[in-house]
Amino acid sequence: KFVSQSEEYLIWNTKDAGVSNAGDFGYTYGIGKSIA
């Protein structure tokens, strides 16, 4: 609900990521755009 009300649509440009040894946990980060 919050995203729908305040942010149009989001696109992502991932800079890097990491995953756990078990492959069940991960993270991604980078720069993106909210386009209205």
Full PDB file with SEQRES, HELIX, SHEET, SSBOND, CRYST1, ORIGX, SCALE, CONECT and MASTER records, all heavy atoms in Angstrom:
SEQRES   1 A   36  LYS PHE VAL SER GLN SER GLU GLU TYR LEU ILE TRP ASN          
SEQRES   2 A   36  THR LYS ASP ALA GLY VAL SER ASN ALA GLY ASP PHE GLY          
SEQRES   3 A   36  TYR THR TYR GLY ILE GLY LYS SER ILE ALA                      
HELIX    1 AA1 PHE A    2  SER A    6  1                                   5    
SHEET    1 AA1 2 TYR A   9  VAL A  19  0                                        
SHEET    2 AA1 2 GLY A  26  ILE A  35 -1                                        
CRYST1    1.000    1.000    1.000  90.00  90.00  90.00 P 1           1          
ORIGX1      1.000000  0.000000  0.000000        0.00000                         
ORIGX2      0.000000  1.000000  0.000000        0.00000                         
ORIGX3      0.000000  0.000000  1.000000        0.00000                         
SCALE1      1.000000  0.000000  0.000000        0.00000                         
SCALE2      0.000000  1.000000  0.000000        0.00000                         
SCALE3      0.000000  0.000000  1.000000        0.00000                         
ATOM      1  N   LYS A   1       0.826  -1.204   0.000  1.00  0.00           N  
ATOM      2  CA  LYS A   1       0.000   0.000   0.000  1.00  0.00           C  
ATOM      3  C   LYS A   1       0.856   1.249   0.000  1.00  0.00           C  
ATOM      4  O   LYS A   1       0.593   2.202  -0.756  1.00  0.00           O  
ATOM      5  CB  LYS A   1      -0.929  -0.006   1.221  1.00  0.00           C  
ATOM      6  CG  LYS A   1      -1.862   1.191   1.288  1.00  0.00           C  
ATOM      7  CD  LYS A   1      -2.777   1.089   2.512  1.00  0.00           C  
ATOM      8  CE  LYS A   1      -3.705   2.297   2.591  1.00  0.00           C  
ATOM      9  NZ  LYS A   1      -4.596   2.214   3.791  1.00  0.00           N  
ATOM     10  N   PHE A   2       1.918   1.264   0.815  1.00  0.00           N  
ATOM     11  CA  PHE A   2       2.786   2.439   0.887  1.00  0.00           C  
ATOM     12  C   PHE A   2       3.478   2.683  -0.446  1.00  0.00           C  
ATOM     13  O   PHE A   2       3.499   3.812  -0.945  1.00  0.00           O  
ATOM     14  CB  PHE A   2       3.828   2.266   1.986  1.00  0.00           C  
ATOM     15  CG  PHE A   2       4.770   3.431   2.096  1.00  0.00           C  
ATOM     16  CD1 PHE A   2       4.445   4.528   2.886  1.00  0.00           C  
ATOM     17  CD2 PHE A   2       5.979   3.451   1.401  1.00  0.00           C  
ATOM     18  CE1 PHE A   2       5.306   5.614   2.981  1.00  0.00           C  
ATOM     19  CE2 PHE A   2       6.834   4.528   1.492  1.00  0.00           C  
ATOM     20  CZ  PHE A   2       6.500   5.617   2.287  1.00  0.00           C  
ATOM     21  N   VAL A   3       4.050   1.646  -1.029  1.00  0.00           N  
ATOM     22  CA  VAL A   3       4.750   1.805  -2.302  1.00  0.00           C  
ATOM     23  C   VAL A   3       3.781   2.257  -3.390  1.00  0.00           C  
ATOM     24  O   VAL A   3       4.104   3.144  -4.193  1.00  0.00           O  
ATOM     25  CB  VAL A   3       5.443   0.486  -2.716  1.00  0.00           C  
ATOM     26  CG1 VAL A   3       6.020   0.590  -4.126  1.00  0.00           C  
ATOM     27  CG2 VAL A   3       6.553   0.143  -1.723  1.00  0.00           C  
ATOM     28  N   SER A   4       2.588   1.701  -3.413  1.00  0.00           N  
ATOM     29  CA  SER A   4       1.602   2.056  -4.439  1.00  0.00           C  
ATOM     30  C   SER A   4       1.182   3.512  -4.343  1.00  0.00           C  
ATOM     31  O   SER A   4       0.920   4.169  -5.356  1.00  0.00           O  
ATOM     32  CB  SER A   4       0.366   1.152  -4.314  1.00  0.00           C  
ATOM     33  OG  SER A   4       0.703  -0.198  -4.550  1.00  0.00           O  
ATOM     34  N   GLN A   5       1.155   4.043  -3.122  1.00  0.00           N  
ATOM     35  CA  GLN A   5       0.713   5.419  -2.920  1.00  0.00           C  
ATOM     36  C   GLN A   5       1.820   6.447  -3.153  1.00  0.00           C  
ATOM     37  O   GLN A   5       1.548   7.572  -3.568  1.00  0.00           O  
ATOM     38  CB  GLN A   5       0.161   5.589  -1.501  1.00  0.00           C  
ATOM     39  CG  GLN A   5      -1.151   4.867  -1.265  1.00  0.00           C  
ATOM     40  CD  GLN A   5      -1.619   4.982   0.168  1.00  0.00           C  
ATOM     41  OE1 GLN A   5      -0.840   5.308   1.068  1.00  0.00           O  
ATOM     42  NE2 GLN A   5      -2.883   4.701   0.413  1.00  0.00           N  
ATOM     43  N   SER A   6       3.068   6.068  -2.904  1.00  0.00           N  
ATOM     44  CA  SER A   6       4.137   7.064  -2.900  1.00  0.00           C  
ATOM     45  C   SER A   6       5.187   6.877  -3.978  1.00  0.00           C  
ATOM     46  O   SER A   6       5.957   7.791  -4.255  1.00  0.00           O  
ATOM     47  CB  SER A   6       4.842   7.049  -1.535  1.00  0.00           C  
ATOM     48  OG  SER A   6       5.411   5.769  -1.295  1.00  0.00           O  
ATOM     49  N   GLU A   7       5.239   5.720  -4.595  1.00  0.00           N  
ATOM     50  CA  GLU A   7       6.266   5.445  -5.591  1.00  0.00           C  
ATOM     51  C   GLU A   7       5.602   4.834  -6.822  1.00  0.00           C  
ATOM     52  O   GLU A   7       4.850   3.878  -6.699  1.00  0.00           O  
ATOM     53  CB  GLU A   7       7.335   4.496  -5.021  1.00  0.00           C  
ATOM     54  CG  GLU A   7       8.058   5.079  -3.813  1.00  0.00           C  
ATOM     55  CD  GLU A   7       8.684   4.002  -2.915  1.00  0.00           C  
ATOM     56  OE1 GLU A   7       8.537   2.808  -3.220  1.00  0.00           O  
ATOM     57  OE2 GLU A   7       9.299   4.382  -1.918  1.00  0.00           O  
ATOM     58  N   GLU A   8       5.862   5.395  -8.003  1.00  0.00           N  
ATOM     59  CA  GLU A   8       5.226   4.898  -9.213  1.00  0.00           C  
ATOM     60  C   GLU A   8       5.697   3.481  -9.513  1.00  0.00           C  
ATOM     61  O   GLU A   8       5.236   2.545  -8.921  1.00  0.00           O  
ATOM     62  CB  GLU A   8       5.522   5.866 -10.367  1.00  0.00           C  
ATOM     63  CG  GLU A   8       4.857   7.227 -10.197  1.00  0.00           C  
ATOM     64  CD  GLU A   8       3.331   7.131 -10.168  1.00  0.00           C  
ATOM     65  OE1 GLU A   8       2.770   6.329 -10.936  1.00  0.00           O  
ATOM     66  OE2 GLU A   8       2.699   7.847  -9.366  1.00  0.00           O  
ATOM     67  N   TYR A   9       6.658   3.312 -10.385  1.00  0.00           N  
ATOM     68  CA  TYR A   9       7.234   1.986 -10.534  1.00  0.00           C  
ATOM     69  C   TYR A   9       8.747   2.080 -10.429  1.00  0.00           C  
ATOM     70  O   TYR A   9       9.351   3.098 -10.778  1.00  0.00           O  
ATOM     71  CB  TYR A   9       6.787   1.291 -11.828  1.00  0.00           C  
ATOM     72  CG  TYR A   9       7.314   1.875 -13.107  1.00  0.00           C  
ATOM     73  CD1 TYR A   9       8.484   1.390 -13.693  1.00  0.00           C  
ATOM     74  CD2 TYR A   9       6.627   2.890 -13.768  1.00  0.00           C  
ATOM     75  CE1 TYR A   9       8.961   1.910 -14.887  1.00  0.00           C  
ATOM     76  CE2 TYR A   9       7.089   3.410 -14.956  1.00  0.00           C  
ATOM     77  CZ  TYR A   9       8.257   2.926 -15.520  1.00  0.00           C  
ATOM     78  OH  TYR A   9       8.731   3.443 -16.687  1.00  0.00           O  
ATOM     79  N   LEU A  10       9.351   1.023  -9.902  1.00  0.00           N  
ATOM     80  CA  LEU A  10      10.764   1.028  -9.548  1.00  0.00           C  
ATOM     81  C   LEU A  10      11.551   0.125 -10.484  1.00  0.00           C  
ATOM     82  O   LEU A  10      11.103  -0.976 -10.823  1.00  0.00           O  
ATOM     83  CB  LEU A  10      10.948   0.554  -8.111  1.00  0.00           C  
ATOM     84  CG  LEU A  10      10.101   1.266  -7.042  1.00  0.00           C  
ATOM     85  CD1 LEU A  10      10.281   0.572  -5.703  1.00  0.00           C  
ATOM     86  CD2 LEU A  10      10.481   2.724  -6.928  1.00  0.00           C  
ATOM     87  N   ILE A  11      12.728   0.595 -10.889  1.00  0.00           N  
ATOM     88  CA  ILE A  11      13.635  -0.250 -11.652  1.00  0.00           C  
ATOM     89  C   ILE A  11      14.980  -0.267 -10.940  1.00  0.00           C  
ATOM     90  O   ILE A  11      15.335   0.675 -10.235  1.00  0.00           O  
ATOM     91  CB  ILE A  11      13.797   0.223 -13.116  1.00  0.00           C  
ATOM     92  CG1 ILE A  11      14.338   1.657 -13.187  1.00  0.00           C  
ATOM     93  CG2 ILE A  11      12.473   0.122 -13.857  1.00  0.00           C  
ATOM     94  CD1 ILE A  11      14.618   2.126 -14.601  1.00  0.00           C  
ATOM     95  N   TRP A  12      15.724  -1.361 -11.114  1.00  0.00           N  
ATOM     96  CA  TRP A  12      16.916  -1.616 -10.328  1.00  0.00           C  
ATOM     97  C   TRP A  12      18.140  -1.806 -11.210  1.00  0.00           C  
ATOM     98  O   TRP A  12      18.076  -2.435 -12.256  1.00  0.00           O  
ATOM     99  CB  TRP A  12      16.730  -2.872  -9.472  1.00  0.00           C  
ATOM    100  CG  TRP A  12      15.374  -2.983  -8.851  1.00  0.00           C  
ATOM    101  CD1 TRP A  12      14.262  -3.556  -9.390  1.00  0.00           C  
ATOM    102  CD2 TRP A  12      14.971  -2.476  -7.580  1.00  0.00           C  
ATOM    103  NE1 TRP A  12      13.202  -3.453  -8.521  1.00  0.00           N  
ATOM    104  CE2 TRP A  12      13.610  -2.794  -7.407  1.00  0.00           C  
ATOM    105  CE3 TRP A  12      15.648  -1.800  -6.555  1.00  0.00           C  
ATOM    106  CZ2 TRP A  12      12.900  -2.457  -6.262  1.00  0.00           C  
ATOM    107  CZ3 TRP A  12      14.938  -1.469  -5.412  1.00  0.00           C  
ATOM    108  CH2 TRP A  12      13.584  -1.785  -5.278  1.00  0.00           C  
ATOM    109  N   ASN A  13      19.255  -1.289 -10.767  1.00  0.00           N  
ATOM    110  CA  ASN A  13      20.544  -1.548 -11.408  1.00  0.00           C  
ATOM    111  C   ASN A  13      21.472  -2.082 -10.318  1.00  0.00           C  
ATOM    112  O   ASN A  13      22.079  -1.318  -9.586  1.00  0.00           O  
ATOM    113  CB  ASN A  13      21.105  -0.277 -12.040  1.00  0.00           C  
ATOM    114  CG  ASN A  13      22.400  -0.524 -12.790  1.00  0.00           C  
ATOM    115  OD1 ASN A  13      22.805  -1.671 -13.012  1.00  0.00           O  
ATOM    116  ND2 ASN A  13      23.071   0.548 -13.161  1.00  0.00           N  
ATOM    117  N   THR A  14      21.544  -3.395 -10.212  1.00  0.00           N  
ATOM    118  CA  THR A  14      22.275  -4.028  -9.121  1.00  0.00           C  
ATOM    119  C   THR A  14      23.777  -3.817  -9.260  1.00  0.00           C  
ATOM    120  O   THR A  14      24.349  -4.055 -10.320  1.00  0.00           O  
ATOM    121  CB  THR A  14      21.990  -5.538  -9.089  1.00  0.00           C  
ATOM    122  OG1 THR A  14      20.580  -5.758  -9.144  1.00  0.00           O  
ATOM    123  CG2 THR A  14      22.555  -6.160  -7.825  1.00  0.00           C  
ATOM    124  N   LYS A  15      24.400  -3.385  -8.176  1.00  0.00           N  
ATOM    125  CA  LYS A  15      25.851  -3.193  -8.163  1.00  0.00           C  
ATOM    126  C   LYS A  15      26.575  -4.450  -7.699  1.00  0.00           C  
ATOM    127  O   LYS A  15      27.615  -4.812  -8.236  1.00  0.00           O  
ATOM    128  CB  LYS A  15      26.215  -2.009  -7.263  1.00  0.00           C  
ATOM    129  CG  LYS A  15      27.683  -1.630  -7.307  1.00  0.00           C  
ATOM    130  CD  LYS A  15      27.953  -0.341  -6.546  1.00  0.00           C  
ATOM    131  CE  LYS A  15      29.423   0.051  -6.636  1.00  0.00           C  
ATOM    132  NZ  LYS A  15      29.695   1.323  -5.917  1.00  0.00           N  
ATOM    133  N   ASP A  16      26.018  -5.114  -6.689  1.00  0.00           N  
ATOM    134  CA  ASP A  16      26.646  -6.337  -6.208  1.00  0.00           C  
ATOM    135  C   ASP A  16      25.648  -7.108  -5.350  1.00  0.00           C  
ATOM    136  O   ASP A  16      24.568  -6.606  -5.015  1.00  0.00           O  
ATOM    137  CB  ASP A  16      27.911  -6.037  -5.401  1.00  0.00           C  
ATOM    138  CG  ASP A  16      28.888  -7.221  -5.373  1.00  0.00           C  
ATOM    139  OD1 ASP A  16      28.547  -8.274  -5.950  1.00  0.00           O  
ATOM    140  OD2 ASP A  16      29.959  -7.074  -4.777  1.00  0.00           O  
ATOM    141  N   ALA A  17      26.039  -8.325  -5.000  1.00  0.00           N  
ATOM    142  CA  ALA A  17      25.176  -9.192  -4.206  1.00  0.00           C  
ATOM    143  C   ALA A  17      26.038 -10.160  -3.416  1.00  0.00           C  
ATOM    144  O   ALA A  17      27.222 -10.346  -3.702  1.00  0.00           O  
ATOM    145  CB  ALA A  17      24.217  -9.960  -5.118  1.00  0.00           C  
ATOM    146  N   GLY A  18      25.431 -10.771  -2.433  1.00  0.00           N  
ATOM    147  CA  GLY A  18      26.104 -11.812  -1.653  1.00  0.00           C  
ATOM    148  C   GLY A  18      25.098 -12.855  -1.233  1.00  0.00           C  
ATOM    149  O   GLY A  18      23.903 -12.560  -1.095  1.00  0.00           O  
ATOM    150  N   VAL A  19      25.554 -14.088  -1.048  1.00  0.00           N  
ATOM    151  CA  VAL A  19      24.667 -15.172  -0.613  1.00  0.00           C  
ATOM    152  C   VAL A  19      25.348 -15.971   0.487  1.00  0.00           C  
ATOM    153  O   VAL A  19      26.577 -15.963   0.620  1.00  0.00           O  
ATOM    154  CB  VAL A  19      24.281 -16.108  -1.777  1.00  0.00           C  
ATOM    155  CG1 VAL A  19      23.495 -15.351  -2.835  1.00  0.00           C  
ATOM    156  CG2 VAL A  19      25.515 -16.761  -2.385  1.00  0.00           C  
ATOM    157  N   SER A  20      24.559 -16.681   1.259  1.00  0.00           N  
ATOM    158  CA  SER A  20      25.081 -17.497   2.356  1.00  0.00           C  
ATOM    159  C   SER A  20      25.631 -18.814   1.836  1.00  0.00           C  
ATOM    160  O   SER A  20      25.353 -19.240   0.711  1.00  0.00           O  
ATOM    161  CB  SER A  20      23.968 -17.772   3.368  1.00  0.00           C  
ATOM    162  OG  SER A  20      22.970 -18.590   2.789  1.00  0.00           O  
ATOM    163  N   ASN A  21      26.388 -19.478   2.677  1.00  0.00           N  
ATOM    164  CA  ASN A  21      26.922 -20.788   2.317  1.00  0.00           C  
ATOM    165  C   ASN A  21      25.820 -21.811   2.050  1.00  0.00           C  
ATOM    166  O   ASN A  21      25.980 -22.711   1.229  1.00  0.00           O  
ATOM    167  CB  ASN A  21      27.825 -21.312   3.429  1.00  0.00           C  
ATOM    168  CG  ASN A  21      29.122 -20.539   3.522  1.00  0.00           C  
ATOM    169  OD1 ASN A  21      29.549 -19.892   2.568  1.00  0.00           O  
ATOM    170  ND2 ASN A  21      29.776 -20.603   4.671  1.00  0.00           N  
ATOM    171  N   ALA A  22      24.692 -21.657   2.757  1.00  0.00           N  
ATOM    172  CA  ALA A  22      23.577 -22.583   2.584  1.00  0.00           C  
ATOM    173  C   ALA A  22      22.672 -22.201   1.418  1.00  0.00           C  
ATOM    174  O   ALA A  22      21.765 -22.955   1.061  1.00  0.00           O  
ATOM    175  CB  ALA A  22      22.755 -22.664   3.867  1.00  0.00           C  
ATOM    176  N   GLY A  23      22.890 -21.018   0.852  1.00  0.00           N  
ATOM    177  CA  GLY A  23      22.086 -20.590  -0.279  1.00  0.00           C  
ATOM    178  C   GLY A  23      20.671 -20.191   0.067  1.00  0.00           C  
ATOM    179  O   GLY A  23      19.790 -20.161  -0.804  1.00  0.00           O  
ATOM    180  N   ASP A  24      20.419 -19.850   1.342  1.00  0.00           N  
ATOM    181  CA  ASP A  24      19.063 -19.494   1.766  1.00  0.00           C  
ATOM    182  C   ASP A  24      18.955 -18.040   2.220  1.00  0.00           C  
ATOM    183  O   ASP A  24      17.883 -17.593   2.628  1.00  0.00           O  
ATOM    184  CB  ASP A  24      18.614 -20.413   2.896  1.00  0.00           C  
ATOM    185  CG  ASP A  24      19.472 -20.270   4.151  1.00  0.00           C  
ATOM    186  OD1 ASP A  24      20.600 -19.748   4.048  1.00  0.00           O  
ATOM    187  OD2 ASP A  24      19.021 -20.690   5.236  1.00  0.00           O  
ATOM    188  N   PHE A  25      20.044 -17.303   2.150  1.00  0.00           N  
ATOM    189  CA  PHE A  25      20.076 -15.903   2.583  1.00  0.00           C  
ATOM    190  C   PHE A  25      20.895 -15.129   1.543  1.00  0.00           C  
ATOM    191  O   PHE A  25      21.945 -15.605   1.102  1.00  0.00           O  
ATOM    192  CB  PHE A  25      20.729 -15.785   3.958  1.00  0.00           C  
ATOM    193  CG  PHE A  25      20.876 -14.374   4.480  1.00  0.00           C  
ATOM    194  CD1 PHE A  25      19.976 -13.859   5.394  1.00  0.00           C  
ATOM    195  CD2 PHE A  25      21.920 -13.552   4.049  1.00  0.00           C  
ATOM    196  CE1 PHE A  25      20.125 -12.553   5.884  1.00  0.00           C  
ATOM    197  CE2 PHE A  25      22.072 -12.267   4.533  1.00  0.00           C  
ATOM    198  CZ  PHE A  25      21.157 -11.755   5.456  1.00  0.00           C  
ATOM    199  N   GLY A  26      20.412 -13.957   1.159  1.00  0.00           N  
ATOM    200  CA  GLY A  26      21.152 -13.150   0.201  1.00  0.00           C  
ATOM    201  C   GLY A  26      20.850 -11.680   0.365  1.00  0.00           C  
ATOM    202  O   GLY A  26      19.897 -11.291   1.044  1.00  0.00           O  
ATOM    203  N   TYR A  27      21.679 -10.869  -0.248  1.00  0.00           N  
ATOM    204  CA  TYR A  27      21.431  -9.429  -0.268  1.00  0.00           C  
ATOM    205  C   TYR A  27      21.889  -8.868  -1.607  1.00  0.00           C  
ATOM    206  O   TYR A  27      22.797  -9.399  -2.252  1.00  0.00           O  
ATOM    207  CB  TYR A  27      22.139  -8.720   0.893  1.00  0.00           C  
ATOM    208  CG  TYR A  27      23.658  -8.824   0.849  1.00  0.00           C  
ATOM    209  CD1 TYR A  27      24.429  -7.855   0.194  1.00  0.00           C  
ATOM    210  CD2 TYR A  27      24.321  -9.893   1.450  1.00  0.00           C  
ATOM    211  CE1 TYR A  27      25.825  -7.960   0.150  1.00  0.00           C  
ATOM    212  CE2 TYR A  27      25.703 -10.006   1.408  1.00  0.00           C  
ATOM    213  CZ  TYR A  27      26.443  -9.035   0.762  1.00  0.00           C  
ATOM    214  OH  TYR A  27      27.816  -9.146   0.708  1.00  0.00           O  
ATOM    215  N   THR A  28      21.230  -7.803  -2.021  1.00  0.00           N  
ATOM    216  CA  THR A  28      21.583  -7.096  -3.241  1.00  0.00           C  
ATOM    217  C   THR A  28      21.542  -5.604  -2.949  1.00  0.00           C  
ATOM    218  O   THR A  28      20.767  -5.143  -2.108  1.00  0.00           O  
ATOM    219  CB  THR A  28      20.600  -7.408  -4.384  1.00  0.00           C  
ATOM    220  OG1 THR A  28      19.251  -7.161  -3.938  1.00  0.00           O  
ATOM    221  CG2 THR A  28      20.713  -8.845  -4.838  1.00  0.00           C  
ATOM    222  N   TYR A  29      22.371  -4.849  -3.644  1.00  0.00           N  
ATOM    223  CA  TYR A  29      22.324  -3.392  -3.487  1.00  0.00           C  
ATOM    224  C   TYR A  29      22.773  -2.728  -4.776  1.00  0.00           C  
ATOM    225  O   TYR A  29      23.425  -3.348  -5.629  1.00  0.00           O  
ATOM    226  CB  TYR A  29      23.178  -2.930  -2.302  1.00  0.00           C  
ATOM    227  CG  TYR A  29      24.667  -3.177  -2.470  1.00  0.00           C  
ATOM    228  CD1 TYR A  29      25.486  -2.225  -3.089  1.00  0.00           C  
ATOM    229  CD2 TYR A  29      25.261  -4.347  -2.005  1.00  0.00           C  
ATOM    230  CE1 TYR A  29      26.849  -2.447  -3.241  1.00  0.00           C  
ATOM    231  CE2 TYR A  29      26.618  -4.575  -2.158  1.00  0.00           C  
ATOM    232  CZ  TYR A  29      27.400  -3.615  -2.772  1.00  0.00           C  
ATOM    233  OH  TYR A  29      28.751  -3.833  -2.929  1.00  0.00           O  
ATOM    234  N   GLY A  30      22.407  -1.444  -4.908  1.00  0.00           N  
ATOM    235  CA  GLY A  30      22.787  -0.713  -6.105  1.00  0.00           C  
ATOM    236  C   GLY A  30      22.057   0.605  -6.210  1.00  0.00           C  
ATOM    237  O   GLY A  30      21.654   1.189  -5.196  1.00  0.00           O  
ATOM    238  N   ILE A  31      21.858   1.052  -7.440  1.00  0.00           N  
ATOM    239  CA  ILE A  31      21.179   2.308  -7.730  1.00  0.00           C  
ATOM    240  C   ILE A  31      19.948   2.017  -8.573  1.00  0.00           C  
ATOM    241  O   ILE A  31      19.983   1.180  -9.480  1.00  0.00           O  
ATOM    242  CB  ILE A  31      22.103   3.279  -8.505  1.00  0.00           C  
ATOM    243  CG1 ILE A  31      23.397   3.522  -7.729  1.00  0.00           C  
ATOM    244  CG2 ILE A  31      21.381   4.600  -8.785  1.00  0.00           C  
ATOM    245  CD1 ILE A  31      23.219   4.227  -6.409  1.00  0.00           C  
ATOM    246  N   GLY A  32      18.850   2.672  -8.266  1.00  0.00           N  
ATOM    247  CA  GLY A  32      17.625   2.456  -9.024  1.00  0.00           C  
ATOM    248  C   GLY A  32      16.910   3.761  -9.318  1.00  0.00           C  
ATOM    249  O   GLY A  32      17.408   4.856  -9.010  1.00  0.00           O  
ATOM    250  N   LYS A  33      15.726   3.621  -9.914  1.00  0.00           N  
ATOM    251  CA  LYS A  33      14.922   4.798 -10.252  1.00  0.00           C  
ATOM    252  C   LYS A  33      13.459   4.531  -9.937  1.00  0.00           C  
ATOM    253  O   LYS A  33      12.951   3.428 -10.159  1.00  0.00           O  
ATOM    254  CB  LYS A  33      15.057   5.130 -11.742  1.00  0.00           C  
ATOM    255  CG  LYS A  33      16.434   5.605 -12.166  1.00  0.00           C  
ATOM    256  CD  LYS A  33      16.474   5.924 -13.658  1.00  0.00           C  
ATOM    257  CE  LYS A  33      17.860   6.396 -14.092  1.00  0.00           C  
ATOM    258  NZ  LYS A  33      17.900   6.691 -15.548  1.00  0.00           N  
ATOM    259  N   SER A  34      12.800   5.555  -9.408  1.00  0.00           N  
ATOM    260  CA  SER A  34      11.360   5.559  -9.237  1.00  0.00           C  
ATOM    261  C   SER A  34      10.801   6.457 -10.336  1.00  0.00           C  
ATOM    262  O   SER A  34      11.058   7.665 -10.353  1.00  0.00           O  
ATOM    263  CB  SER A  34      10.977   6.094  -7.853  1.00  0.00           C  
ATOM    264  OG  SER A  34       9.570   6.171  -7.723  1.00  0.00           O  
ATOM    265  N   ILE A  35      10.063   5.857 -11.249  1.00  0.00           N  
ATOM    266  CA  ILE A  35       9.643   6.571 -12.455  1.00  0.00           C  
ATOM    267  C   ILE A  35       8.160   6.895 -12.394  1.00  0.00           C  
ATOM    268  O   ILE A  35       7.311   6.005 -12.278  1.00  0.00           O  
ATOM    269  CB  ILE A  35       9.953   5.750 -13.714  1.00  0.00           C  
ATOM    270  CG1 ILE A  35      11.464   5.452 -13.771  1.00  0.00           C  
ATOM    271  CG2 ILE A  35       9.488   6.477 -14.970  1.00  0.00           C  
ATOM    272  CD1 ILE A  35      11.876   4.557 -14.906  1.00  0.00           C  
ATOM    273  N   ALA A  36       7.862   8.182 -12.460  1.00  0.00           N  
ATOM    274  CA  ALA A  36       6.490   8.664 -12.526  1.00  0.00           C  
ATOM    275  C   ALA A  36       6.253   9.291 -13.895  1.00  0.00           C  
ATOM    276  O   ALA A  36       7.156   9.358 -14.736  1.00  0.00           O  
ATOM    277  CB  ALA A  36       6.227   9.689 -11.418  1.00  0.00           C  
TER     278      ALA A  36                                                      
MASTER        0    0    0    1    2    0    0    6  277    1    0    3          
END                                                                             
